[in-house]
Amino acid sequence: METPETSALTERKAAVLRAVVEEYVRTGEPVGSEKVAENSTLGVSSATIRNELSALEEMGYLGHPHTSAGRVPTDLGYRQFVNSLPPGKLRETQKREVADFFSQAVIDLEETLRGATRLLSHLTTYAGLATPPSMTEERVVHVEFVSIGSALLALIVGQHGMVEKRAMDKPESLDDETLQDFSNVLGESFRTAGGAGEPGPGPVLTPLLTPPFFDYPMKSTP
């Protein structure tokens, strides 16, 4: 089986792949050789296009969901299509919009993602999508405990700005000074988690939020 590393796309193969991707995105249906010949300016027969489709499938750019159906782009096919697009150029006003957005100090991760998505959609006139980092990879950089009456609120901050909150009962013997000392020691341990006093991320956020670390539900007060 050929691979993209050992077999570069010819100009005609690239044109066929582009036609398949564009048609599949437009219709959501597998694309056959007749449809490619009909909608493209390749100037070759359906038989020639069928051969190119087979070659692209062998190279991993296209899939074939059913024997009698046409082809659909694979992840590799989409990536090749995107990489072949001509680079776009931003106008000066658009460049300033991007620079102004990233010059603002935004601490909240969700606010940053929402703003970036709106900016992307505005600049491209297409739908924008942004996703936060996976909690399985987010590392803790700060933990703080806040006393609220008979309860404790734990604020846990991840390295990308993700903030988690956990509420728990406050031990009767715990005074505010001891709680502050504990918060300071814990916070310092995260700031020097890189070792030898070097700043570094702490433990991964997900296990820190699972029992037995934070398995203390807030009791209802009379």
N, C-alpha and C. Protein backbone atom coordinates (compact mmCIF):
# COMPACT_ATOMS: atom_id res chain seq x y z
N MET A 1 0.83 -1.21 0.00
CA MET A 1 0.00 0.00 0.00
C MET A 1 0.86 1.25 0.00
N GLU A 2 0.56 2.18 -0.90
CA GLU A 2 1.31 3.41 -0.96
C GLU A 2 0.97 4.28 0.26
N THR A 3 1.89 5.12 0.63
CA THR A 3 1.65 6.05 1.72
C THR A 3 2.01 7.45 1.25
N PRO A 4 1.45 8.49 1.88
CA PRO A 4 1.78 9.85 1.49
C PRO A 4 3.26 10.16 1.60
N GLU A 5 3.98 9.43 2.48
CA GLU A 5 5.40 9.69 2.63
C GLU A 5 6.19 9.20 1.42
N THR A 6 5.68 8.15 0.74
CA THR A 6 6.45 7.57 -0.35
C THR A 6 5.87 7.91 -1.70
N SER A 7 4.69 8.51 -1.75
CA SER A 7 4.08 8.80 -3.03
C SER A 7 3.39 10.15 -2.97
N ALA A 8 3.98 11.16 -3.62
CA ALA A 8 3.41 12.50 -3.62
C ALA A 8 2.23 12.54 -4.59
N LEU A 9 1.32 13.45 -4.31
CA LEU A 9 0.16 13.60 -5.18
C LEU A 9 0.54 14.34 -6.46
N THR A 10 0.10 13.80 -7.58
CA THR A 10 0.26 14.52 -8.83
C THR A 10 -0.78 15.64 -8.88
N GLU A 11 -0.63 16.52 -9.84
CA GLU A 11 -1.58 17.63 -9.97
C GLU A 11 -2.99 17.11 -10.21
N ARG A 12 -3.12 16.06 -10.99
CA ARG A 12 -4.46 15.53 -11.28
C ARG A 12 -5.06 14.84 -10.05
N LYS A 13 -4.25 14.09 -9.34
CA LYS A 13 -4.76 13.46 -8.11
C LYS A 13 -5.21 14.52 -7.11
N ALA A 14 -4.43 15.59 -6.98
CA ALA A 14 -4.80 16.66 -6.06
C ALA A 14 -6.11 17.30 -6.48
N ALA A 15 -6.31 17.47 -7.78
CA ALA A 15 -7.55 18.07 -8.28
C ALA A 15 -8.75 17.15 -8.03
N VAL A 16 -8.55 15.85 -8.20
CA VAL A 16 -9.63 14.89 -7.95
C VAL A 16 -9.97 14.88 -6.46
N LEU A 17 -8.96 14.85 -5.62
CA LEU A 17 -9.20 14.87 -4.18
C LEU A 17 -9.95 16.14 -3.78
N ARG A 18 -9.54 17.28 -4.33
CA ARG A 18 -10.21 18.54 -4.01
C ARG A 18 -11.68 18.49 -4.43
N ALA A 19 -11.96 17.92 -5.59
CA ALA A 19 -13.33 17.82 -6.08
C ALA A 19 -14.17 16.92 -5.17
N VAL A 20 -13.58 15.82 -4.70
CA VAL A 20 -14.30 14.91 -3.81
C VAL A 20 -14.61 15.59 -2.48
N VAL A 21 -13.63 16.26 -1.91
CA VAL A 21 -13.84 16.92 -0.62
C VAL A 21 -14.92 17.99 -0.73
N GLU A 22 -14.84 18.82 -1.75
CA GLU A 22 -15.82 19.89 -1.91
C GLU A 22 -17.22 19.35 -2.13
N GLU A 23 -17.35 18.30 -2.91
CA GLU A 23 -18.67 17.72 -3.17
C GLU A 23 -19.21 17.02 -1.93
N TYR A 24 -18.36 16.33 -1.21
CA TYR A 24 -18.81 15.62 -0.01
C TYR A 24 -19.23 16.61 1.08
N VAL A 25 -18.47 17.69 1.23
CA VAL A 25 -18.84 18.71 2.21
C VAL A 25 -20.17 19.35 1.83
N ARG A 26 -20.41 19.51 0.54
CA ARG A 26 -21.64 20.16 0.09
C ARG A 26 -22.86 19.27 0.24
N THR A 27 -22.72 17.97 0.00
CA THR A 27 -23.88 17.08 -0.03
C THR A 27 -23.95 16.09 1.13
N GLY A 28 -22.79 15.73 1.69
CA GLY A 28 -22.77 14.72 2.73
C GLY A 28 -22.93 13.31 2.21
N GLU A 29 -22.87 13.14 0.89
CA GLU A 29 -23.04 11.83 0.26
C GLU A 29 -21.72 11.37 -0.36
N PRO A 30 -21.45 10.05 -0.36
CA PRO A 30 -20.25 9.55 -1.03
C PRO A 30 -20.21 10.01 -2.49
N VAL A 31 -19.03 10.28 -2.97
CA VAL A 31 -18.85 10.89 -4.29
C VAL A 31 -18.31 9.87 -5.28
N GLY A 32 -19.00 9.73 -6.40
CA GLY A 32 -18.58 8.81 -7.45
C GLY A 32 -17.83 9.52 -8.56
N SER A 33 -17.28 8.73 -9.47
CA SER A 33 -16.47 9.29 -10.55
C SER A 33 -17.30 10.17 -11.49
N GLU A 34 -18.57 9.78 -11.71
CA GLU A 34 -19.42 10.58 -12.59
C GLU A 34 -19.64 11.98 -12.03
N LYS A 35 -19.86 12.05 -10.74
CA LYS A 35 -20.09 13.36 -10.10
C LYS A 35 -18.83 14.22 -10.17
N VAL A 36 -17.67 13.60 -9.99
CA VAL A 36 -16.42 14.35 -10.08
C VAL A 36 -16.24 14.88 -11.50
N ALA A 37 -16.50 14.03 -12.49
CA ALA A 37 -16.36 14.46 -13.89
C ALA A 37 -17.34 15.56 -14.24
N GLU A 38 -18.53 15.49 -13.66
CA GLU A 38 -19.58 16.47 -13.95
C GLU A 38 -19.27 17.84 -13.37
N ASN A 39 -18.70 17.85 -12.16
CA ASN A 39 -18.52 19.11 -11.45
C ASN A 39 -17.11 19.68 -11.52
N SER A 40 -16.21 19.01 -12.18
CA SER A 40 -14.83 19.50 -12.24
C SER A 40 -14.48 19.90 -13.67
N THR A 41 -13.31 20.52 -13.81
CA THR A 41 -12.84 20.94 -15.13
C THR A 41 -11.59 20.15 -15.51
N LEU A 42 -11.55 18.88 -15.08
CA LEU A 42 -10.37 18.06 -15.34
C LEU A 42 -10.22 17.71 -16.81
N GLY A 43 -11.34 17.56 -17.50
CA GLY A 43 -11.28 17.23 -18.93
C GLY A 43 -10.83 15.82 -19.21
N VAL A 44 -11.11 14.88 -18.29
CA VAL A 44 -10.76 13.48 -18.50
C VAL A 44 -12.02 12.63 -18.33
N SER A 45 -11.95 11.39 -18.74
CA SER A 45 -13.12 10.51 -18.69
C SER A 45 -13.39 10.02 -17.28
N SER A 46 -14.61 9.48 -17.10
CA SER A 46 -14.98 8.90 -15.81
C SER A 46 -14.09 7.72 -15.47
N ALA A 47 -13.67 6.97 -16.50
CA ALA A 47 -12.80 5.81 -16.27
C ALA A 47 -11.45 6.26 -15.70
N THR A 48 -10.91 7.34 -16.23
CA THR A 48 -9.65 7.87 -15.72
C THR A 48 -9.80 8.35 -14.28
N ILE A 49 -10.93 9.00 -14.00
CA ILE A 49 -11.19 9.49 -12.65
C ILE A 49 -11.35 8.32 -11.68
N ARG A 50 -11.98 7.24 -12.14
CA ARG A 50 -12.12 6.05 -11.29
C ARG A 50 -10.76 5.50 -10.90
N ASN A 51 -9.84 5.50 -11.86
CA ASN A 51 -8.49 5.04 -11.55
C ASN A 51 -7.81 5.93 -10.51
N GLU A 52 -8.02 7.25 -10.65
CA GLU A 52 -7.43 8.17 -9.69
C GLU A 52 -8.07 8.02 -8.31
N LEU A 53 -9.39 7.76 -8.28
CA LEU A 53 -10.07 7.54 -7.00
C LEU A 53 -9.53 6.30 -6.31
N SER A 54 -9.32 5.27 -7.08
CA SER A 54 -8.76 4.03 -6.51
C SER A 54 -7.36 4.27 -5.96
N ALA A 55 -6.57 5.05 -6.70
CA ALA A 55 -5.21 5.35 -6.25
C ALA A 55 -5.23 6.18 -4.96
N LEU A 56 -6.12 7.16 -4.90
CA LEU A 56 -6.23 7.99 -3.70
C LEU A 56 -6.69 7.18 -2.49
N GLU A 57 -7.58 6.21 -2.75
CA GLU A 57 -8.01 5.33 -1.67
C GLU A 57 -6.86 4.47 -1.18
N GLU A 58 -6.07 3.96 -2.11
CA GLU A 58 -4.93 3.13 -1.76
C GLU A 58 -3.90 3.93 -0.96
N MET A 59 -3.81 5.23 -1.24
CA MET A 59 -2.85 6.09 -0.55
C MET A 59 -3.37 6.58 0.80
N GLY A 60 -4.66 6.31 1.08
CA GLY A 60 -5.20 6.68 2.38
C GLY A 60 -5.94 7.99 2.43
N TYR A 61 -6.11 8.65 1.28
CA TYR A 61 -6.79 9.95 1.27
C TYR A 61 -8.30 9.81 1.18
N LEU A 62 -8.78 8.71 0.68
CA LEU A 62 -10.22 8.48 0.52
C LEU A 62 -10.62 7.16 1.14
N GLY A 63 -11.88 7.07 1.56
CA GLY A 63 -12.45 5.83 2.06
C GLY A 63 -13.56 5.37 1.15
N HIS A 64 -13.95 4.11 1.32
CA HIS A 64 -14.97 3.51 0.46
C HIS A 64 -15.97 2.78 1.35
N PRO A 65 -17.02 3.49 1.83
CA PRO A 65 -17.91 2.89 2.84
C PRO A 65 -18.64 1.65 2.36
N HIS A 66 -19.03 1.63 1.07
CA HIS A 66 -19.72 0.47 0.51
C HIS A 66 -19.17 0.20 -0.88
N THR A 67 -19.26 -1.05 -1.29
CA THR A 67 -18.71 -1.44 -2.59
C THR A 67 -19.35 -0.66 -3.72
N SER A 68 -20.66 -0.45 -3.64
CA SER A 68 -21.38 0.21 -4.73
C SER A 68 -21.43 1.72 -4.57
N ALA A 69 -20.92 2.24 -3.44
CA ALA A 69 -21.00 3.68 -3.19
C ALA A 69 -19.75 4.38 -3.68
N GLY A 70 -19.79 5.72 -3.65
CA GLY A 70 -18.62 6.50 -4.01
C GLY A 70 -17.65 6.59 -2.86
N ARG A 71 -16.71 7.51 -2.98
CA ARG A 71 -15.69 7.68 -1.96
C ARG A 71 -16.01 8.84 -1.03
N VAL A 72 -15.40 8.78 0.16
CA VAL A 72 -15.51 9.87 1.13
C VAL A 72 -14.10 10.22 1.60
N PRO A 73 -13.85 11.48 1.94
CA PRO A 73 -12.51 11.87 2.41
C PRO A 73 -12.20 11.25 3.77
N THR A 74 -10.97 10.88 3.98
CA THR A 74 -10.49 10.44 5.29
C THR A 74 -9.90 11.65 6.02
N ASP A 75 -9.49 11.45 7.26
CA ASP A 75 -8.84 12.54 7.99
C ASP A 75 -7.60 13.03 7.24
N LEU A 76 -6.88 12.09 6.66
CA LEU A 76 -5.69 12.46 5.88
C LEU A 76 -6.07 13.26 4.65
N GLY A 77 -7.20 12.87 4.02
CA GLY A 77 -7.67 13.60 2.85
C GLY A 77 -8.05 15.03 3.18
N TYR A 78 -8.77 15.20 4.31
CA TYR A 78 -9.13 16.55 4.75
C TYR A 78 -7.89 17.38 5.03
N ARG A 79 -6.91 16.76 5.71
CA ARG A 79 -5.68 17.48 6.04
C ARG A 79 -4.95 17.92 4.78
N GLN A 80 -4.88 17.04 3.79
CA GLN A 80 -4.22 17.39 2.53
C GLN A 80 -4.96 18.53 1.84
N PHE A 81 -6.30 18.48 1.90
CA PHE A 81 -7.12 19.53 1.27
C PHE A 81 -6.84 20.88 1.94
N VAL A 82 -6.83 20.89 3.28
CA VAL A 82 -6.59 22.14 4.01
C VAL A 82 -5.18 22.66 3.73
N ASN A 83 -4.20 21.77 3.73
CA ASN A 83 -2.83 22.19 3.51
C ASN A 83 -2.61 22.75 2.11
N SER A 84 -3.46 22.35 1.16
CA SER A 84 -3.29 22.81 -0.22
C SER A 84 -4.00 24.13 -0.50
N LEU A 85 -4.78 24.61 0.47
CA LEU A 85 -5.48 25.88 0.28
C LEU A 85 -4.47 27.02 0.25
N PRO A 86 -4.70 28.01 -0.62
CA PRO A 86 -3.77 29.16 -0.66
C PRO A 86 -3.86 29.95 0.64
N PRO A 87 -2.73 30.46 1.11
CA PRO A 87 -2.76 31.24 2.36
C PRO A 87 -3.57 32.52 2.20
N GLY A 88 -4.38 32.80 3.20
CA GLY A 88 -5.17 34.02 3.17
C GLY A 88 -4.39 35.17 3.78
N LYS A 89 -4.82 36.37 3.49
CA LYS A 89 -4.17 37.56 4.01
C LYS A 89 -5.19 38.41 4.75
N LEU A 90 -4.82 38.84 5.94
CA LEU A 90 -5.69 39.69 6.74
C LEU A 90 -5.46 41.15 6.36
N ARG A 91 -6.55 41.90 6.34
CA ARG A 91 -6.43 43.34 6.15
C ARG A 91 -5.87 43.96 7.42
N GLU A 92 -5.39 45.19 7.30
CA GLU A 92 -4.78 45.85 8.45
C GLU A 92 -5.76 45.98 9.60
N THR A 93 -7.02 46.27 9.29
CA THR A 93 -8.02 46.38 10.36
C THR A 93 -8.22 45.05 11.06
N GLN A 94 -8.18 43.94 10.31
CA GLN A 94 -8.32 42.62 10.90
C GLN A 94 -7.11 42.27 11.76
N LYS A 95 -5.93 42.63 11.30
CA LYS A 95 -4.72 42.39 12.09
C LYS A 95 -4.80 43.12 13.42
N ARG A 96 -5.33 44.34 13.39
CA ARG A 96 -5.45 45.12 14.62
C ARG A 96 -6.45 44.47 15.57
N GLU A 97 -7.55 43.91 15.01
CA GLU A 97 -8.53 43.22 15.85
C GLU A 97 -7.90 42.06 16.59
N VAL A 98 -7.10 41.27 15.87
CA VAL A 98 -6.42 40.11 16.48
C VAL A 98 -5.44 40.58 17.54
N ALA A 99 -4.64 41.60 17.21
CA ALA A 99 -3.65 42.10 18.16
C ALA A 99 -4.33 42.67 19.40
N ASP A 100 -5.42 43.41 19.22
CA ASP A 100 -6.13 43.99 20.36
C ASP A 100 -6.69 42.91 21.27
N PHE A 101 -7.22 41.83 20.66
CA PHE A 101 -7.81 40.76 21.45
C PHE A 101 -6.76 40.09 22.33
N PHE A 102 -5.61 39.77 21.76
CA PHE A 102 -4.60 39.04 22.52
C PHE A 102 -3.78 39.96 23.44
N SER A 103 -3.94 41.27 23.28
CA SER A 103 -3.24 42.19 24.20
C SER A 103 -4.01 42.38 25.49
N GLN A 104 -5.28 41.96 25.51
CA GLN A 104 -6.09 42.10 26.71
C GLN A 104 -5.75 41.00 27.70
N ALA A 105 -5.66 41.35 28.97
CA ALA A 105 -5.38 40.37 30.02
C ALA A 105 -6.68 39.69 30.43
N VAL A 106 -6.87 38.46 29.99
CA VAL A 106 -8.07 37.70 30.32
C VAL A 106 -7.66 36.48 31.11
N ILE A 107 -8.17 36.36 32.33
CA ILE A 107 -7.78 35.24 33.19
C ILE A 107 -8.69 34.04 32.99
N ASP A 108 -9.97 34.29 32.79
CA ASP A 108 -10.94 33.20 32.71
C ASP A 108 -10.81 32.48 31.37
N LEU A 109 -10.62 31.17 31.42
CA LEU A 109 -10.42 30.38 30.21
C LEU A 109 -11.65 30.38 29.33
N GLU A 110 -12.84 30.22 29.93
CA GLU A 110 -14.05 30.19 29.13
C GLU A 110 -14.27 31.52 28.40
N GLU A 111 -13.98 32.61 29.07
CA GLU A 111 -14.11 33.92 28.42
C GLU A 111 -13.15 34.05 27.25
N THR A 112 -11.93 33.54 27.42
CA THR A 112 -10.95 33.59 26.34
C THR A 112 -11.41 32.77 25.14
N LEU A 113 -11.93 31.57 25.40
CA LEU A 113 -12.40 30.72 24.31
C LEU A 113 -13.58 31.33 23.59
N ARG A 114 -14.52 31.90 24.36
CA ARG A 114 -15.67 32.55 23.72
C ARG A 114 -15.23 33.72 22.85
N GLY A 115 -14.31 34.53 23.38
CA GLY A 115 -13.83 35.67 22.60
C GLY A 115 -13.08 35.25 21.35
N ALA A 116 -12.24 34.22 21.47
CA ALA A 116 -11.48 33.73 20.32
C ALA A 116 -12.42 33.16 19.26
N THR A 117 -13.46 32.45 19.70
CA THR A 117 -14.41 31.88 18.76
C THR A 117 -15.18 32.97 18.01
N ARG A 118 -15.62 33.99 18.75
CA ARG A 118 -16.34 35.11 18.11
C ARG A 118 -15.43 35.82 17.11
N LEU A 119 -14.18 36.04 17.49
CA LEU A 119 -13.24 36.71 16.60
C LEU A 119 -13.00 35.88 15.34
N LEU A 120 -12.79 34.58 15.51
CA LEU A 120 -12.57 33.69 14.37
C LEU A 120 -13.76 33.70 13.43
N SER A 121 -14.96 33.62 13.99
CA SER A 121 -16.17 33.62 13.17
C SER A 121 -16.33 34.95 12.44
N HIS A 122 -16.01 36.04 13.13
CA HIS A 122 -16.13 37.37 12.52
C HIS A 122 -15.16 37.54 11.36
N LEU A 123 -13.94 37.07 11.53
CA LEU A 123 -12.92 37.27 10.51
C LEU A 123 -13.12 36.37 9.30
N THR A 124 -13.67 35.18 9.52
CA THR A 124 -13.80 34.21 8.42
C THR A 124 -15.21 34.15 7.84
N THR A 125 -16.19 34.72 8.56
CA THR A 125 -17.62 34.62 8.21
C THR A 125 -18.09 33.16 8.19
N TYR A 126 -17.41 32.31 8.93
CA TYR A 126 -17.82 30.92 9.10
C TYR A 126 -18.05 30.65 10.59
N ALA A 127 -18.67 29.52 10.86
CA ALA A 127 -18.86 29.13 12.26
C ALA A 127 -17.50 28.86 12.90
N GLY A 128 -17.36 29.28 14.16
CA GLY A 128 -16.12 29.05 14.89
C GLY A 128 -16.34 28.08 16.03
N LEU A 129 -15.32 27.31 16.35
CA LEU A 129 -15.42 26.32 17.42
C LEU A 129 -14.11 26.29 18.19
N ALA A 130 -14.22 26.30 19.52
CA ALA A 130 -13.04 26.19 20.38
C ALA A 130 -13.36 25.25 21.52
N THR A 131 -12.40 24.45 21.92
CA THR A 131 -12.60 23.51 23.02
C THR A 131 -11.52 23.72 24.06
N PRO A 132 -11.85 23.60 25.34
CA PRO A 132 -10.84 23.77 26.39
C PRO A 132 -9.92 22.57 26.44
N PRO A 133 -8.78 22.69 27.09
CA PRO A 133 -7.88 21.54 27.26
C PRO A 133 -8.57 20.43 28.03
N SER A 134 -8.19 19.21 27.76
CA SER A 134 -8.76 18.08 28.47
C SER A 134 -8.37 18.13 29.94
N MET A 135 -9.35 17.83 30.82
CA MET A 135 -9.07 17.83 32.25
C MET A 135 -8.07 16.74 32.62
N THR A 136 -7.93 15.73 31.78
CA THR A 136 -6.96 14.67 32.07
C THR A 136 -5.53 15.16 31.87
N GLU A 137 -5.37 16.32 31.21
CA GLU A 137 -4.04 16.86 30.95
C GLU A 137 -3.80 18.18 31.71
N GLU A 138 -4.85 18.75 32.27
CA GLU A 138 -4.71 20.02 32.99
C GLU A 138 -4.01 19.81 34.32
N ARG A 139 -2.97 20.57 34.56
CA ARG A 139 -2.20 20.42 35.79
C ARG A 139 -2.48 21.58 36.74
N VAL A 140 -2.46 21.29 38.02
CA VAL A 140 -2.82 22.26 39.04
C VAL A 140 -1.65 23.21 39.30
N VAL A 141 -1.96 24.51 39.35
CA VAL A 141 -0.94 25.51 39.68
C VAL A 141 -1.28 26.26 40.96
N HIS A 142 -2.51 26.17 41.43
CA HIS A 142 -2.86 26.90 42.64
C HIS A 142 -4.09 26.27 43.29
N VAL A 143 -4.06 26.16 44.60
CA VAL A 143 -5.22 25.70 45.37
C VAL A 143 -5.40 26.65 46.55
N GLU A 144 -6.62 27.07 46.77
CA GLU A 144 -6.91 27.97 47.88
C GLU A 144 -8.20 27.53 48.57
N PHE A 145 -8.21 27.63 49.90
CA PHE A 145 -9.39 27.29 50.68
C PHE A 145 -9.97 28.56 51.29
N VAL A 146 -11.28 28.70 51.13
CA VAL A 146 -11.97 29.87 51.65
C VAL A 146 -13.01 29.41 52.67
N SER A 147 -12.99 30.01 53.85
CA SER A 147 -13.94 29.66 54.90
C SER A 147 -15.24 30.43 54.70
N ILE A 148 -16.35 29.68 54.64
CA ILE A 148 -17.67 30.29 54.48
C ILE A 148 -18.56 29.73 55.59
N GLY A 149 -18.55 30.38 56.72
CA GLY A 149 -19.35 29.89 57.84
C GLY A 149 -18.87 28.53 58.29
N SER A 150 -19.78 27.56 58.25
CA SER A 150 -19.44 26.19 58.67
C SER A 150 -18.94 25.34 57.52
N ALA A 151 -18.65 25.96 56.40
CA ALA A 151 -18.22 25.21 55.22
C ALA A 151 -16.89 25.74 54.72
N LEU A 152 -16.25 24.93 53.86
CA LEU A 152 -15.02 25.32 53.18
C LEU A 152 -15.25 25.26 51.68
N LEU A 153 -14.72 26.24 50.98
CA LEU A 153 -14.77 26.25 49.52
C LEU A 153 -13.34 26.13 49.00
N ALA A 154 -13.08 25.08 48.23
CA ALA A 154 -11.76 24.88 47.64
C ALA A 154 -11.77 25.41 46.21
N LEU A 155 -10.85 26.29 45.90
CA LEU A 155 -10.68 26.83 44.55
C LEU A 155 -9.41 26.24 43.96
N ILE A 156 -9.55 25.51 42.85
CA ILE A 156 -8.42 24.81 42.25
C ILE A 156 -8.22 25.36 40.84
N VAL A 157 -7.04 25.89 40.56
CA VAL A 157 -6.75 26.56 39.30
C VAL A 157 -5.77 25.71 38.48
N GLY A 158 -6.13 25.44 37.21
CA GLY A 158 -5.27 24.70 36.32
C GLY A 158 -4.33 25.61 35.56
N GLN A 159 -3.34 25.02 34.90
CA GLN A 159 -2.30 25.80 34.24
C GLN A 159 -2.83 26.61 33.06
N HIS A 160 -3.98 26.24 32.48
CA HIS A 160 -4.55 26.99 31.37
C HIS A 160 -5.70 27.88 31.81
N GLY A 161 -5.84 28.10 33.11
CA GLY A 161 -6.87 28.99 33.59
C GLY A 161 -8.16 28.30 33.98
N MET A 162 -8.24 26.99 33.85
CA MET A 162 -9.45 26.27 34.24
C MET A 162 -9.60 26.32 35.76
N VAL A 163 -10.78 26.68 36.22
CA VAL A 163 -11.05 26.81 37.66
C VAL A 163 -12.13 25.83 38.07
N GLU A 164 -11.85 25.04 39.10
CA GLU A 164 -12.83 24.12 39.65
C GLU A 164 -13.11 24.51 41.09
N LYS A 165 -14.34 24.34 41.52
CA LYS A 165 -14.74 24.67 42.89
C LYS A 165 -15.31 23.42 43.56
N ARG A 166 -14.94 23.21 44.82
CA ARG A 166 -15.47 22.10 45.58
C ARG A 166 -15.84 22.60 46.97
N ALA A 167 -17.03 22.24 47.44
CA ALA A 167 -17.49 22.63 48.78
C ALA A 167 -17.45 21.42 49.69
N MET A 168 -17.13 21.66 50.96
CA MET A 168 -17.04 20.58 51.94
C MET A 168 -17.33 21.13 53.33
N ASP A 169 -17.62 20.25 54.26
CA ASP A 169 -17.84 20.66 55.64
C ASP A 169 -16.53 21.11 56.27
N LYS A 170 -16.61 22.09 57.11
CA LYS A 170 -15.43 22.62 57.80
C LYS A 170 -15.32 21.98 59.18
N PRO A 171 -14.21 21.32 59.49
CA PRO A 171 -14.04 20.74 60.84
C PRO A 171 -14.17 21.82 61.90
N GLU A 172 -14.82 21.49 62.97
CA GLU A 172 -15.06 22.47 64.03
C GLU A 172 -13.76 22.98 64.65
N SER A 173 -12.74 22.13 64.67
CA SER A 173 -11.47 22.51 65.31
C SER A 173 -10.57 23.35 64.40
N LEU A 174 -10.97 23.57 63.16
CA LEU A 174 -10.13 24.28 62.20
C LEU A 174 -10.40 25.78 62.29
N ASP A 175 -9.38 26.55 62.69
CA ASP A 175 -9.55 28.00 62.77
C ASP A 175 -9.01 28.65 61.49
N ASP A 176 -9.31 29.90 61.31
CA ASP A 176 -8.96 30.60 60.08
C ASP A 176 -7.45 30.71 59.89
N GLU A 177 -6.70 30.89 60.99
CA GLU A 177 -5.25 31.01 60.88
C GLU A 177 -4.61 29.71 60.39
N THR A 178 -5.07 28.59 60.95
CA THR A 178 -4.55 27.29 60.52
C THR A 178 -4.91 27.02 59.06
N LEU A 179 -6.13 27.39 58.68
CA LEU A 179 -6.57 27.20 57.29
C LEU A 179 -5.71 28.01 56.34
N GLN A 180 -5.38 29.25 56.72
CA GLN A 180 -4.55 30.10 55.87
C GLN A 180 -3.14 29.53 55.75
N ASP A 181 -2.60 29.05 56.86
CA ASP A 181 -1.27 28.44 56.81
C ASP A 181 -1.26 27.22 55.89
N PHE A 182 -2.31 26.40 55.99
CA PHE A 182 -2.40 25.21 55.14
C PHE A 182 -2.48 25.60 53.67
N SER A 183 -3.28 26.63 53.37
CA SER A 183 -3.41 27.09 51.98
C SER A 183 -2.08 27.59 51.45
N ASN A 184 -1.34 28.33 52.29
CA ASN A 184 -0.05 28.86 51.86
C ASN A 184 0.95 27.74 51.56
N VAL A 185 1.01 26.75 52.46
CA VAL A 185 1.94 25.63 52.25
C VAL A 185 1.58 24.84 51.00
N LEU A 186 0.28 24.58 50.82
CA LEU A 186 -0.17 23.83 49.65
C LEU A 186 0.10 24.61 48.37
N GLY A 187 -0.19 25.92 48.40
CA GLY A 187 0.07 26.74 47.22
C GLY A 187 1.53 26.78 46.85
N GLU A 188 2.40 26.87 47.86
CA GLU A 188 3.83 26.91 47.60
C GLU A 188 4.32 25.59 47.01
N SER A 189 3.72 24.47 47.46
CA SER A 189 4.13 23.17 46.93
C SER A 189 3.82 23.06 45.45
N PHE A 190 2.72 23.67 44.99
CA PHE A 190 2.39 23.64 43.57
C PHE A 190 3.29 24.58 42.77
N ARG A 191 3.64 25.71 43.37
CA ARG A 191 4.49 26.66 42.65
C ARG A 191 5.88 26.11 42.43
N THR A 192 6.35 25.18 43.29
CA THR A 192 7.70 24.62 43.17
C THR A 192 7.66 23.15 42.79
N ALA A 193 6.58 22.74 42.12
CA ALA A 193 6.42 21.32 41.80
C ALA A 193 7.42 20.85 40.75
N GLY A 194 8.09 21.80 40.07
CA GLY A 194 9.06 21.39 39.07
C GLY A 194 10.32 20.81 39.65
N GLY A 195 10.49 20.95 40.97
CA GLY A 195 11.67 20.40 41.62
C GLY A 195 12.76 21.44 41.80
N ALA A 196 13.53 21.30 42.86
CA ALA A 196 14.68 22.17 43.13
C ALA A 196 14.27 23.64 43.18
N GLY A 197 13.05 23.90 43.64
CA GLY A 197 12.60 25.28 43.76
C GLY A 197 12.17 25.90 42.46
N GLU A 198 12.20 25.14 41.37
CA GLU A 198 11.81 25.68 40.06
C GLU A 198 10.30 25.68 39.92
N PRO A 199 9.71 26.75 39.36
CA PRO A 199 8.27 26.75 39.13
C PRO A 199 7.88 25.63 38.19
N GLY A 200 6.78 24.98 38.48
CA GLY A 200 6.34 23.90 37.62
C GLY A 200 4.94 23.49 37.96
N PRO A 201 4.23 22.87 37.04
CA PRO A 201 2.85 22.47 37.29
C PRO A 201 2.76 21.37 38.33
N GLY A 202 1.65 21.36 39.06
CA GLY A 202 1.42 20.36 40.07
C GLY A 202 0.78 19.12 39.49
N PRO A 203 0.06 18.37 40.33
CA PRO A 203 -0.56 17.14 39.85
C PRO A 203 -1.66 17.41 38.84
N VAL A 204 -2.03 16.37 38.10
CA VAL A 204 -3.11 16.50 37.12
C VAL A 204 -4.41 16.79 37.85
N LEU A 205 -5.25 17.65 37.24
CA LEU A 205 -6.45 18.14 37.91
C LEU A 205 -7.47 17.04 38.18
N THR A 206 -7.69 16.14 37.21
CA THR A 206 -8.76 15.15 37.36
C THR A 206 -8.63 14.29 38.61
N PRO A 207 -7.48 13.62 38.86
CA PRO A 207 -7.41 12.80 40.07
C PRO A 207 -7.50 13.62 41.35
N LEU A 208 -7.09 14.88 41.30
CA LEU A 208 -7.17 15.71 42.50
C LEU A 208 -8.63 15.98 42.87
N LEU A 209 -9.53 15.93 41.89
CA LEU A 209 -10.93 16.23 42.15
C LEU A 209 -11.76 14.99 42.44
N THR A 210 -11.13 13.83 42.46
CA THR A 210 -11.86 12.58 42.69
C THR A 210 -11.57 12.08 44.10
N PRO A 211 -12.46 11.23 44.65
CA PRO A 211 -12.25 10.68 46.00
C PRO A 211 -10.89 10.00 46.09
N PRO A 212 -10.20 10.06 47.25
CA PRO A 212 -10.71 10.62 48.51
C PRO A 212 -10.40 12.09 48.72
N PHE A 213 -9.82 12.76 47.69
CA PHE A 213 -9.39 14.14 47.89
C PHE A 213 -10.56 15.09 48.16
N PHE A 214 -11.60 15.03 47.32
CA PHE A 214 -12.71 15.96 47.47
C PHE A 214 -14.02 15.18 47.42
N ASP A 215 -14.20 14.30 48.39
CA ASP A 215 -15.41 13.51 48.49
C ASP A 215 -16.19 13.93 49.73
N TYR A 216 -16.37 15.24 49.86
CA TYR A 216 -17.03 15.77 51.05
C TYR A 216 -18.20 16.65 50.64
N PRO A 217 -19.40 16.07 50.50
CA PRO A 217 -20.54 16.86 50.09
C PRO A 217 -20.95 17.86 51.17
N MET A 218 -21.49 18.99 50.73
CA MET A 218 -21.96 20.01 51.65
C MET A 218 -23.22 19.53 52.35
N LYS A 219 -23.21 19.56 53.66
CA LYS A 219 -24.39 19.15 54.42
C LYS A 219 -25.38 20.33 54.47
N SER A 220 -26.64 20.03 54.40
CA SER A 220 -27.66 21.05 54.47
C SER A 220 -27.72 21.60 55.89
N THR A 221 -27.89 22.90 55.98
CA THR A 221 -27.96 23.56 57.28
C THR A 221 -29.39 23.82 57.65
N PRO A 222 -29.74 23.70 58.95
CA PRO A 222 -31.12 23.90 59.35
C PRO A 222 -31.53 25.36 59.18
